[in-house]
Amino acid sequence: MPRPTVAQLVYGSCTVILSTVAMLALSQTSSGIGVAVIALAALALGLLVAMTVPLPGTRPAGSATSGQAPAEPARLAERRRPVGASSETVRGRAAS
């Protein structure tokens, strides 16, 4: 099992702390069982958040590198050429 990255540790820890404080403030519980349930729920939520943080070097399926569109195949480039345009130059046509 790979070691967690710094981002995973930070996101998970922040989620646990903030969700615990929010749930305790909203529930206004004072019993030990209520606090334990909230703490376990916050730990589970923090673990879920930490495990869903993308790892460095991985990209979602279908995404292009560095925000650029994928390279266009040559046959599609040929189809997008204006009607009547060809690959030979004007001088080449005049000479023939």
PDB file of N, CA and C in Angstrom:
ATOM      1  N   MET A   1       0.856  -1.177   0.000  1.00  0.00           N
ATOM      2  CA  MET A   1       0.000   0.000   0.000  1.00  0.00           C
ATOM      3  C   MET A   1       0.903   1.241   0.000  1.00  0.00           C
ATOM      4  N   PRO A   2       0.671   2.178  -0.928  1.00  0.00           N
ATOM      5  CA  PRO A   2       1.522   3.361  -0.999  1.00  0.00           C
ATOM      6  C   PRO A   2       1.300   4.292   0.193  1.00  0.00           C
ATOM      7  N   ARG A   3       2.317   5.041   0.496  1.00  0.00           N
ATOM      8  CA  ARG A   3       2.223   5.999   1.598  1.00  0.00           C
ATOM      9  C   ARG A   3       1.349   7.179   1.187  1.00  0.00           C
ATOM     10  N   PRO A   4       0.619   7.777   2.138  1.00  0.00           N
ATOM     11  CA  PRO A   4      -0.221   8.934   1.785  1.00  0.00           C
ATOM     12  C   PRO A   4       0.652  10.151   1.485  1.00  0.00           C
ATOM     13  N   THR A   5       0.191  10.961   0.553  1.00  0.00           N
ATOM     14  CA  THR A   5       0.914  12.177   0.202  1.00  0.00           C
ATOM     15  C   THR A   5       0.596  13.277   1.219  1.00  0.00           C
ATOM     16  N   VAL A   6       1.332  14.360   1.143  1.00  0.00           N
ATOM     17  CA  VAL A   6       1.107  15.489   2.047  1.00  0.00           C
ATOM     18  C   VAL A   6      -0.288  16.063   1.828  1.00  0.00           C
ATOM     19  N   ALA A   7      -0.713  16.145   0.574  1.00  0.00           N
ATOM     20  CA  ALA A   7      -2.036  16.690   0.275  1.00  0.00           C
ATOM     21  C   ALA A   7      -3.128  15.822   0.891  1.00  0.00           C
ATOM     22  N   GLN A   8      -2.967  14.522   0.812  1.00  0.00           N
ATOM     23  CA  GLN A   8      -3.958  13.631   1.398  1.00  0.00           C
ATOM     24  C   GLN A   8      -4.032  13.810   2.913  1.00  0.00           C
ATOM     25  N   LEU A   9      -2.877  13.927   3.565  1.00  0.00           N
ATOM     26  CA  LEU A   9      -2.864  14.126   5.015  1.00  0.00           C
ATOM     27  C   LEU A   9      -3.506  15.459   5.414  1.00  0.00           C
ATOM     28  N   VAL A  10      -3.212  16.503   4.662  1.00  0.00           N
ATOM     29  CA  VAL A  10      -3.757  17.827   4.985  1.00  0.00           C
ATOM     30  C   VAL A  10      -5.262  17.855   4.777  1.00  0.00           C
ATOM     31  N   TYR A  11      -5.725  17.390   3.617  1.00  0.00           N
ATOM     32  CA  TYR A  11      -7.162  17.394   3.349  1.00  0.00           C
ATOM     33  C   TYR A  11      -7.925  16.527   4.355  1.00  0.00           C
ATOM     34  N   GLY A  12      -7.395  15.365   4.647  1.00  0.00           N
ATOM     35  CA  GLY A  12      -8.053  14.485   5.607  1.00  0.00           C
ATOM     36  C   GLY A  12      -8.107  15.076   6.999  1.00  0.00           C
ATOM     37  N   SER A  13      -6.995  15.643   7.452  1.00  0.00           N
ATOM     38  CA  SER A  13      -6.951  16.239   8.792  1.00  0.00           C
ATOM     39  C   SER A  13      -7.875  17.443   8.911  1.00  0.00           C
ATOM     40  N   CYS A  14      -7.867  18.293   7.915  1.00  0.00           N
ATOM     41  CA  CYS A  14      -8.756  19.464   7.939  1.00  0.00           C
ATOM     42  C   CYS A  14     -10.220  19.040   7.926  1.00  0.00           C
ATOM     43  N   THR A  15     -10.529  18.011   7.162  1.00  0.00           N
ATOM     44  CA  THR A  15     -11.904  17.520   7.114  1.00  0.00           C
ATOM     45  C   THR A  15     -12.335  16.981   8.470  1.00  0.00           C
ATOM     46  N   VAL A  16     -11.466  16.230   9.124  1.00  0.00           N
ATOM     47  CA  VAL A  16     -11.808  15.670  10.440  1.00  0.00           C
ATOM     48  C   VAL A  16     -12.043  16.795  11.443  1.00  0.00           C
ATOM     49  N   ILE A  17     -11.149  17.746  11.489  1.00  0.00           N
ATOM     50  CA  ILE A  17     -11.264  18.828  12.475  1.00  0.00           C
ATOM     51  C   ILE A  17     -12.501  19.678  12.220  1.00  0.00           C
ATOM     52  N   LEU A  18     -12.671  20.131  10.982  1.00  0.00           N
ATOM     53  CA  LEU A  18     -13.794  21.028  10.681  1.00  0.00           C
ATOM     54  C   LEU A  18     -15.144  20.322  10.793  1.00  0.00           C
ATOM     55  N   SER A  19     -15.207  19.068  10.340  1.00  0.00           N
ATOM     56  CA  SER A  19     -16.491  18.365  10.433  1.00  0.00           C
ATOM     57  C   SER A  19     -16.835  18.028  11.883  1.00  0.00           C
ATOM     58  N   THR A  20     -15.841  17.739  12.698  1.00  0.00           N
ATOM     59  CA  THR A  20     -16.105  17.479  14.120  1.00  0.00           C
ATOM     60  C   THR A  20     -16.649  18.729  14.802  1.00  0.00           C
ATOM     61  N   VAL A  21     -16.002  19.844  14.587  1.00  0.00           N
ATOM     62  CA  VAL A  21     -16.455  21.101  15.201  1.00  0.00           C
ATOM     63  C   VAL A  21     -17.860  21.451  14.713  1.00  0.00           C
ATOM     64  N   ALA A  22     -18.101  21.314  13.412  1.00  0.00           N
ATOM     65  CA  ALA A  22     -19.419  21.662  12.863  1.00  0.00           C
ATOM     66  C   ALA A  22     -20.511  20.751  13.414  1.00  0.00           C
ATOM     67  N   MET A  23     -20.254  19.435  13.435  1.00  0.00           N
ATOM     68  CA  MET A  23     -21.280  18.505  13.936  1.00  0.00           C
ATOM     69  C   MET A  23     -21.534  18.695  15.424  1.00  0.00           C
ATOM     70  N   LEU A  24     -20.489  18.956  16.216  1.00  0.00           N
ATOM     71  CA  LEU A  24     -20.691  19.193  17.653  1.00  0.00           C
ATOM     72  C   LEU A  24     -21.471  20.478  17.891  1.00  0.00           C
ATOM     73  N   ALA A  25     -21.188  21.505  17.089  1.00  0.00           N
ATOM     74  CA  ALA A  25     -21.907  22.779  17.255  1.00  0.00           C
ATOM     75  C   ALA A  25     -23.363  22.643  16.831  1.00  0.00           C
ATOM     76  N   LEU A  26     -23.616  21.902  15.763  1.00  0.00           N
ATOM     77  CA  LEU A  26     -24.993  21.761  15.281  1.00  0.00           C
ATOM     78  C   LEU A  26     -25.828  20.824  16.145  1.00  0.00           C
ATOM     79  N   SER A  27     -25.210  19.770  16.661  1.00  0.00           N
ATOM     80  CA  SER A  27     -25.980  18.796  17.439  1.00  0.00           C
ATOM     81  C   SER A  27     -26.163  19.222  18.889  1.00  0.00           C
ATOM     82  N   GLN A  28     -25.266  20.040  19.395  1.00  0.00           N
ATOM     83  CA  GLN A  28     -25.275  20.518  20.775  1.00  0.00           C
ATOM     84  C   GLN A  28     -25.355  19.355  21.763  1.00  0.00           C
ATOM     85  N   THR A  29     -24.676  18.266  21.453  1.00  0.00           N
ATOM     86  CA  THR A  29     -24.681  17.105  22.336  1.00  0.00           C
ATOM     87  C   THR A  29     -23.656  17.294  23.451  1.00  0.00           C
ATOM     88  N   SER A  30     -23.939  16.707  24.585  1.00  0.00           N
ATOM     89  CA  SER A  30     -23.002  16.766  25.699  1.00  0.00           C
ATOM     90  C   SER A  30     -22.725  15.379  26.265  1.00  0.00           C
ATOM     91  N   SER A  31     -23.393  14.376  25.737  1.00  0.00           N
ATOM     92  CA  SER A  31     -23.176  13.009  26.243  1.00  0.00           C
ATOM     93  C   SER A  31     -21.922  12.420  25.608  1.00  0.00           C
ATOM     94  N   GLY A  32     -21.298  11.524  26.315  1.00  0.00           N
ATOM     95  CA  GLY A  32     -20.078  10.891  25.811  1.00  0.00           C
ATOM     96  C   GLY A  32     -20.322  10.041  24.576  1.00  0.00           C
ATOM     97  N   ILE A  33     -21.455   9.375  24.525  1.00  0.00           N
ATOM     98  CA  ILE A  33     -21.775   8.537  23.364  1.00  0.00           C
ATOM     99  C   ILE A  33     -21.993   9.398  22.121  1.00  0.00           C
ATOM    100  N   GLY A  34     -22.675  10.512  22.297  1.00  0.00           N
ATOM    101  CA  GLY A  34     -22.912  11.420  21.162  1.00  0.00           C
ATOM    102  C   GLY A  34     -21.620  11.977  20.599  1.00  0.00           C
ATOM    103  N   VAL A  35     -20.698  12.368  21.497  1.00  0.00           N
ATOM    104  CA  VAL A  35     -19.400  12.886  21.056  1.00  0.00           C
ATOM    105  C   VAL A  35     -18.604  11.788  20.353  1.00  0.00           C
ATOM    106  N   ALA A  36     -18.668  10.568  20.864  1.00  0.00           N
ATOM    107  CA  ALA A  36     -17.945   9.453  20.246  1.00  0.00           C
ATOM    108  C   ALA A  36     -18.486   9.142  18.851  1.00  0.00           C
ATOM    109  N   VAL A  37     -19.795   9.171  18.701  1.00  0.00           N
ATOM    110  CA  VAL A  37     -20.401   8.919  17.383  1.00  0.00           C
ATOM    111  C   VAL A  37     -19.992  10.003  16.391  1.00  0.00           C
ATOM    112  N   ILE A  38     -20.005  11.235  16.834  1.00  0.00           N
ATOM    113  CA  ILE A  38     -19.614  12.352  15.962  1.00  0.00           C
ATOM    114  C   ILE A  38     -18.137  12.238  15.591  1.00  0.00           C
ATOM    115  N   ALA A  39     -17.297  11.875  16.548  1.00  0.00           N
ATOM    116  CA  ALA A  39     -15.866  11.725  16.269  1.00  0.00           C
ATOM    117  C   ALA A  39     -15.613  10.602  15.265  1.00  0.00           C
ATOM    118  N   LEU A  40     -16.310   9.487  15.418  1.00  0.00           N
ATOM    119  CA  LEU A  40     -16.153   8.386  14.456  1.00  0.00           C
ATOM    120  C   LEU A  40     -16.654   8.765  13.066  1.00  0.00           C
ATOM    121  N   ALA A  41     -17.761   9.496  13.010  1.00  0.00           N
ATOM    122  CA  ALA A  41     -18.278   9.949  11.712  1.00  0.00           C
ATOM    123  C   ALA A  41     -17.301  10.908  11.051  1.00  0.00           C
ATOM    124  N   ALA A  42     -16.695  11.796  11.840  1.00  0.00           N
ATOM    125  CA  ALA A  42     -15.724  12.745  11.289  1.00  0.00           C
ATOM    126  C   ALA A  42     -14.473  12.017  10.797  1.00  0.00           C
ATOM    127  N   LEU A  43     -14.025  10.999  11.526  1.00  0.00           N
ATOM    128  CA  LEU A  43     -12.869  10.217  11.076  1.00  0.00           C
ATOM    129  C   LEU A  43     -13.166   9.476   9.770  1.00  0.00           C
ATOM    130  N   ALA A  44     -14.359   8.917   9.669  1.00  0.00           N
ATOM    131  CA  ALA A  44     -14.733   8.225   8.433  1.00  0.00           C
ATOM    132  C   ALA A  44     -14.792   9.198   7.258  1.00  0.00           C
ATOM    133  N   LEU A  45     -15.351  10.381   7.494  1.00  0.00           N
ATOM    134  CA  LEU A  45     -15.416  11.395   6.442  1.00  0.00           C
ATOM    135  C   LEU A  45     -14.019  11.867   6.043  1.00  0.00           C
ATOM    136  N   GLY A  46     -13.142  12.057   7.024  1.00  0.00           N
ATOM    137  CA  GLY A  46     -11.763  12.465   6.729  1.00  0.00           C
ATOM    138  C   GLY A  46     -11.019  11.410   5.936  1.00  0.00           C
ATOM    139  N   LEU A  47     -11.236  10.150   6.263  1.00  0.00           N
ATOM    140  CA  LEU A  47     -10.612   9.060   5.511  1.00  0.00           C
ATOM    141  C   LEU A  47     -11.122   9.027   4.077  1.00  0.00           C
ATOM    142  N   LEU A  48     -12.409   9.215   3.904  1.00  0.00           N
ATOM    143  CA  LEU A  48     -12.987   9.242   2.560  1.00  0.00           C
ATOM    144  C   LEU A  48     -12.402  10.380   1.729  1.00  0.00           C
ATOM    145  N   VAL A  49     -12.306  11.557   2.320  1.00  0.00           N
ATOM    146  CA  VAL A  49     -11.744  12.711   1.601  1.00  0.00           C
ATOM    147  C   VAL A  49     -10.281  12.465   1.263  1.00  0.00           C
ATOM    148  N   ALA A  50      -9.519  11.937   2.208  1.00  0.00           N
ATOM    149  CA  ALA A  50      -8.091  11.704   1.969  1.00  0.00           C
ATOM    150  C   ALA A  50      -7.860  10.684   0.860  1.00  0.00           C
ATOM    151  N   MET A  51      -8.709   9.686   0.775  1.00  0.00           N
ATOM    152  CA  MET A  51      -8.519   8.651  -0.243  1.00  0.00           C
ATOM    153  C   MET A  51      -8.976   9.092  -1.627  1.00  0.00           C
ATOM    154  N   THR A  52      -9.815  10.115  -1.707  1.00  0.00           N
ATOM    155  CA  THR A  52     -10.291  10.572  -3.005  1.00  0.00           C
ATOM    156  C   THR A  52      -9.464  11.707  -3.579  1.00  0.00           C
ATOM    157  N   VAL A  53      -8.483  12.217  -2.852  1.00  0.00           N
ATOM    158  CA  VAL A  53      -7.589  13.244  -3.390  1.00  0.00           C
ATOM    159  C   VAL A  53      -6.751  12.596  -4.492  1.00  0.00           C
ATOM    160  N   PRO A  54      -6.719  13.202  -5.696  1.00  0.00           N
ATOM    161  CA  PRO A  54      -5.947  12.574  -6.782  1.00  0.00           C
ATOM    162  C   PRO A  54      -4.457  12.533  -6.464  1.00  0.00           C
ATOM    163  N   LEU A  55      -3.828  11.441  -6.824  1.00  0.00           N
ATOM    164  CA  LEU A  55      -2.395  11.298  -6.615  1.00  0.00           C
ATOM    165  C   LEU A  55      -1.637  12.092  -7.664  1.00  0.00           C
ATOM    166  N   PRO A  56      -0.437  12.574  -7.344  1.00  0.00           N
ATOM    167  CA  PRO A  56       0.341  13.321  -8.338  1.00  0.00           C
ATOM    168  C   PRO A  56       0.717  12.414  -9.503  1.00  0.00           C
ATOM    169  N   GLY A  57       0.649  12.966 -10.697  1.00  0.00           N
ATOM    170  CA  GLY A  57       1.016  12.210 -11.889  1.00  0.00           C
ATOM    171  C   GLY A  57      -0.126  11.420 -12.480  1.00  0.00           C
ATOM    172  N   THR A  58      -1.289  11.436 -11.859  1.00  0.00           N
ATOM    173  CA  THR A  58      -2.435  10.738 -12.434  1.00  0.00           C
ATOM    174  C   THR A  58      -3.406  11.764 -12.980  1.00  0.00           C
ATOM    175  N   ARG A  59      -4.019  11.415 -14.107  1.00  0.00           N
ATOM    176  CA  ARG A  59      -4.987  12.305 -14.719  1.00  0.00           C
ATOM    177  C   ARG A  59      -6.296  11.548 -14.884  1.00  0.00           C
ATOM    178  N   PRO A  60      -7.401  12.270 -14.795  1.00  0.00           N
ATOM    179  CA  PRO A  60      -8.674  11.614 -15.075  1.00  0.00           C
ATOM    180  C   PRO A  60      -8.729  11.145 -16.528  1.00  0.00           C
ATOM    181  N   ALA A  61      -9.499  10.134 -16.793  1.00  0.00           N
ATOM    182  CA  ALA A  61      -9.610   9.596 -18.148  1.00  0.00           C
ATOM    183  C   ALA A  61     -10.171  10.653 -19.089  1.00  0.00           C
ATOM    184  N   GLY A  62      -9.556  10.785 -20.260  1.00  0.00           N
ATOM    185  CA  GLY A  62     -10.039  11.712 -21.275  1.00  0.00           C
ATOM    186  C   GLY A  62      -9.461  13.105 -21.170  1.00  0.00           C
ATOM    187  N   SER A  63      -8.635  13.387 -20.164  1.00  0.00           N
ATOM    188  CA  SER A  63      -8.084  14.731 -20.061  1.00  0.00           C
ATOM    189  C   SER A  63      -6.814  14.833 -20.897  1.00  0.00           C
ATOM    190  N   ALA A  64      -6.581  16.022 -21.429  1.00  0.00           N
ATOM    191  CA  ALA A  64      -5.413  16.263 -22.265  1.00  0.00           C
ATOM    192  C   ALA A  64      -4.253  16.734 -21.404  1.00  0.00           C
ATOM    193  N   THR A  65      -3.050  16.589 -21.907  1.00  0.00           N
ATOM    194  CA  THR A  65      -1.876  17.011 -21.154  1.00  0.00           C
ATOM    195  C   THR A  65      -1.757  18.520 -21.179  1.00  0.00           C
ATOM    196  N   SER A  66      -1.446  19.090 -20.064  1.00  0.00           N
ATOM    197  CA  SER A  66      -1.213  20.516 -19.842  1.00  0.00           C
ATOM    198  C   SER A  66      -2.314  21.391 -20.416  1.00  0.00           C
ATOM    199  N   GLY A  67      -3.540  20.949 -20.370  1.00  0.00           N
ATOM    200  CA  GLY A  67      -4.656  21.776 -20.786  1.00  0.00           C
ATOM    201  C   GLY A  67      -4.805  21.964 -22.274  1.00  0.00           C
ATOM    202  N   GLN A  68      -4.041  21.269 -23.080  1.00  0.00           N
ATOM    203  CA  GLN A  68      -4.123  21.407 -24.521  1.00  0.00           C
ATOM    204  C   GLN A  68      -5.006  20.322 -25.101  1.00  0.00           C
ATOM    205  N   ALA A  69      -5.544  20.613 -26.262  1.00  0.00           N
ATOM    206  CA  ALA A  69      -6.364  19.618 -26.947  1.00  0.00           C
ATOM    207  C   ALA A  69      -5.456  18.518 -27.486  1.00  0.00           C
ATOM    208  N   PRO A  70      -5.948  17.296 -27.576  1.00  0.00           N
ATOM    209  CA  PRO A  70      -5.118  16.222 -28.120  1.00  0.00           C
ATOM    210  C   PRO A  70      -4.771  16.486 -29.575  1.00  0.00           C
ATOM    211  N   ALA A  71      -3.648  15.926 -30.000  1.00  0.00           N
ATOM    212  CA  ALA A  71      -3.185  16.135 -31.370  1.00  0.00           C
ATOM    213  C   ALA A  71      -4.219  15.592 -32.347  1.00  0.00           C
ATOM    214  N   GLU A  72      -4.434  16.349 -33.412  1.00  0.00           N
ATOM    215  CA  GLU A  72      -5.433  15.974 -34.402  1.00  0.00           C
ATOM    216  C   GLU A  72      -4.820  15.028 -35.422  1.00  0.00           C
ATOM    217  N   PRO A  73      -5.451  13.924 -35.712  1.00  0.00           N
ATOM    218  CA  PRO A  73      -4.911  13.022 -36.731  1.00  0.00           C
ATOM    219  C   PRO A  73      -4.850  13.699 -38.095  1.00  0.00           C
ATOM    220  N   ALA A  74      -3.911  13.254 -38.921  1.00  0.00           N
ATOM    221  CA  ALA A  74      -3.691  13.875 -40.228  1.00  0.00           C
ATOM    222  C   ALA A  74      -4.923  13.770 -41.120  1.00  0.00           C
ATOM    223  N   ARG A  75      -5.646  12.655 -41.031  1.00  0.00           N
ATOM    224  CA  ARG A  75      -6.804  12.505 -41.915  1.00  0.00           C
ATOM    225  C   ARG A  75      -7.903  13.492 -41.572  1.00  0.00           C
ATOM    226  N   LEU A  76      -8.033  13.870 -40.285  1.00  0.00           N
ATOM    227  CA  LEU A  76      -9.021  14.880 -39.929  1.00  0.00           C
ATOM    228  C   LEU A  76      -8.575  16.265 -40.374  1.00  0.00           C
ATOM    229  N   ALA A  77      -7.275  16.509 -40.360  1.00  0.00           N
ATOM    230  CA  ALA A  77      -6.761  17.792 -40.821  1.00  0.00           C
ATOM    231  C   ALA A  77      -7.036  17.962 -42.306  1.00  0.00           C
ATOM    232  N   GLU A  78      -6.940  16.874 -43.066  1.00  0.00           N
ATOM    233  CA  GLU A  78      -7.228  16.926 -44.492  1.00  0.00           C
ATOM    234  C   GLU A  78      -8.684  17.285 -44.739  1.00  0.00           C
ATOM    235  N   ARG A  79      -9.583  16.780 -43.939  1.00  0.00           N
ATOM    236  CA  ARG A  79     -11.004  17.049 -44.117  1.00  0.00           C
ATOM    237  C   ARG A  79     -11.346  18.497 -43.818  1.00  0.00           C
ATOM    238  N   ARG A  80     -10.593  19.127 -42.965  1.00  0.00           N
ATOM    239  CA  ARG A  80     -10.899  20.508 -42.578  1.00  0.00           C
ATOM    240  C   ARG A  80     -10.308  21.539 -43.534  1.00  0.00           C
ATOM    241  N   ARG A  81      -9.584  21.104 -44.513  1.00  0.00           N
ATOM    242  CA  ARG A  81      -9.003  22.014 -45.483  1.00  0.00           C
ATOM    243  C   ARG A  81     -10.119  22.614 -46.331  1.00  0.00           C
ATOM    244  N   PRO A  82     -10.067  23.921 -46.651  1.00  0.00           N
ATOM    245  CA  PRO A  82     -11.122  24.545 -47.449  1.00  0.00           C
ATOM    246  C   PRO A  82     -11.275  23.872 -48.812  1.00  0.00           C
ATOM    247  N   VAL A  83     -12.474  23.972 -49.360  1.00  0.00           N
ATOM    248  CA  VAL A  83     -12.755  23.366 -50.657  1.00  0.00           C
ATOM    249  C   VAL A  83     -11.881  24.029 -51.713  1.00  0.00           C
ATOM    250  N   GLY A  84     -11.264  23.231 -52.554  1.00  0.00           N
ATOM    251  CA  GLY A  84     -10.406  23.745 -53.618  1.00  0.00           C
ATOM    252  C   GLY A  84      -8.960  23.931 -53.197  1.00  0.00           C
ATOM    253  N   ALA A  85      -8.669  23.861 -51.934  1.00  0.00           N
ATOM    254  CA  ALA A  85      -7.298  24.021 -51.465  1.00  0.00           C
ATOM    255  C   ALA A  85      -6.569  22.696 -51.629  1.00  0.00           C
ATOM    256  N   SER A  86      -5.322  22.767 -51.998  1.00  0.00           N
ATOM    257  CA  SER A  86      -4.517  21.556 -52.126  1.00  0.00           C
ATOM    258  C   SER A  86      -3.187  21.771 -51.445  1.00  0.00           C
ATOM    259  N   SER A  87      -2.398  20.723 -51.382  1.00  0.00           N
ATOM    260  CA  SER A  87      -1.128  20.811 -50.674  1.00  0.00           C
ATOM    261  C   SER A  87      -0.030  21.435 -51.533  1.00  0.00           C
ATOM    262  N   GLU A  88      -0.230  21.539 -52.830  1.00  0.00           N
ATOM    263  CA  GLU A  88       0.827  22.142 -53.657  1.00  0.00           C
ATOM    264  C   GLU A  88       0.729  23.652 -53.603  1.00  0.00           C
ATOM    265  N   THR A  89       1.854  24.310 -53.785  1.00  0.00           N
ATOM    266  CA  THR A  89       1.916  25.756 -53.683  1.00  0.00           C
ATOM    267  C   THR A  89       1.465  26.404 -54.987  1.00  0.00           C
ATOM    268  N   VAL A  90       1.276  27.701 -54.926  1.00  0.00           N
ATOM    269  CA  VAL A  90       0.862  28.459 -56.115  1.00  0.00           C
ATOM    270  C   VAL A  90       1.950  28.389 -57.174  1.00  0.00           C
ATOM    271  N   ARG A  91       3.208  28.518 -56.772  1.00  0.00           N
ATOM    272  CA  ARG A  91       4.309  28.463 -57.740  1.00  0.00           C
ATOM    273  C   ARG A  91       4.382  27.088 -58.389  1.00  0.00           C
ATOM    274  N   GLY A  92       4.110  26.044 -57.604  1.00  0.00           N
ATOM    275  CA  GLY A  92       4.143  24.690 -58.135  1.00  0.00           C
ATOM    276  C   GLY A  92       3.058  24.499 -59.185  1.00  0.00           C
ATOM    277  N   ARG A  93       1.892  25.073 -58.993  1.00  0.00           N
ATOM    278  CA  ARG A  93       0.812  24.959 -59.961  1.00  0.00           C
ATOM    279  C   ARG A  93       1.108  25.764 -61.217  1.00  0.00           C
ATOM    280  N   ALA A  94       1.716  26.940 -61.049  1.00  0.00           N
ATOM    281  CA  ALA A  94       2.018  27.784 -62.199  1.00  0.00           C
ATOM    282  C   ALA A  94       3.104  27.166 -63.077  1.00  0.00           C
ATOM    283  N   ALA A  95       4.042  26.451 -62.448  1.00  0.00           N
ATOM    284  CA  ALA A  95       5.138  25.853 -63.210  1.00  0.00           C
ATOM    285  C   ALA A  95       4.675  24.649 -64.005  1.00  0.00           C
ATOM    286  N   SER A  96       3.618  23.999 -63.594  1.00  0.00           N
ATOM    287  CA  SER A  96       3.215  22.791 -64.303  1.00  0.00           C
ATOM    288  C   SER A  96       2.251  23.045 -65.423  1.00  0.00           C
TER     289      SER A  96
END
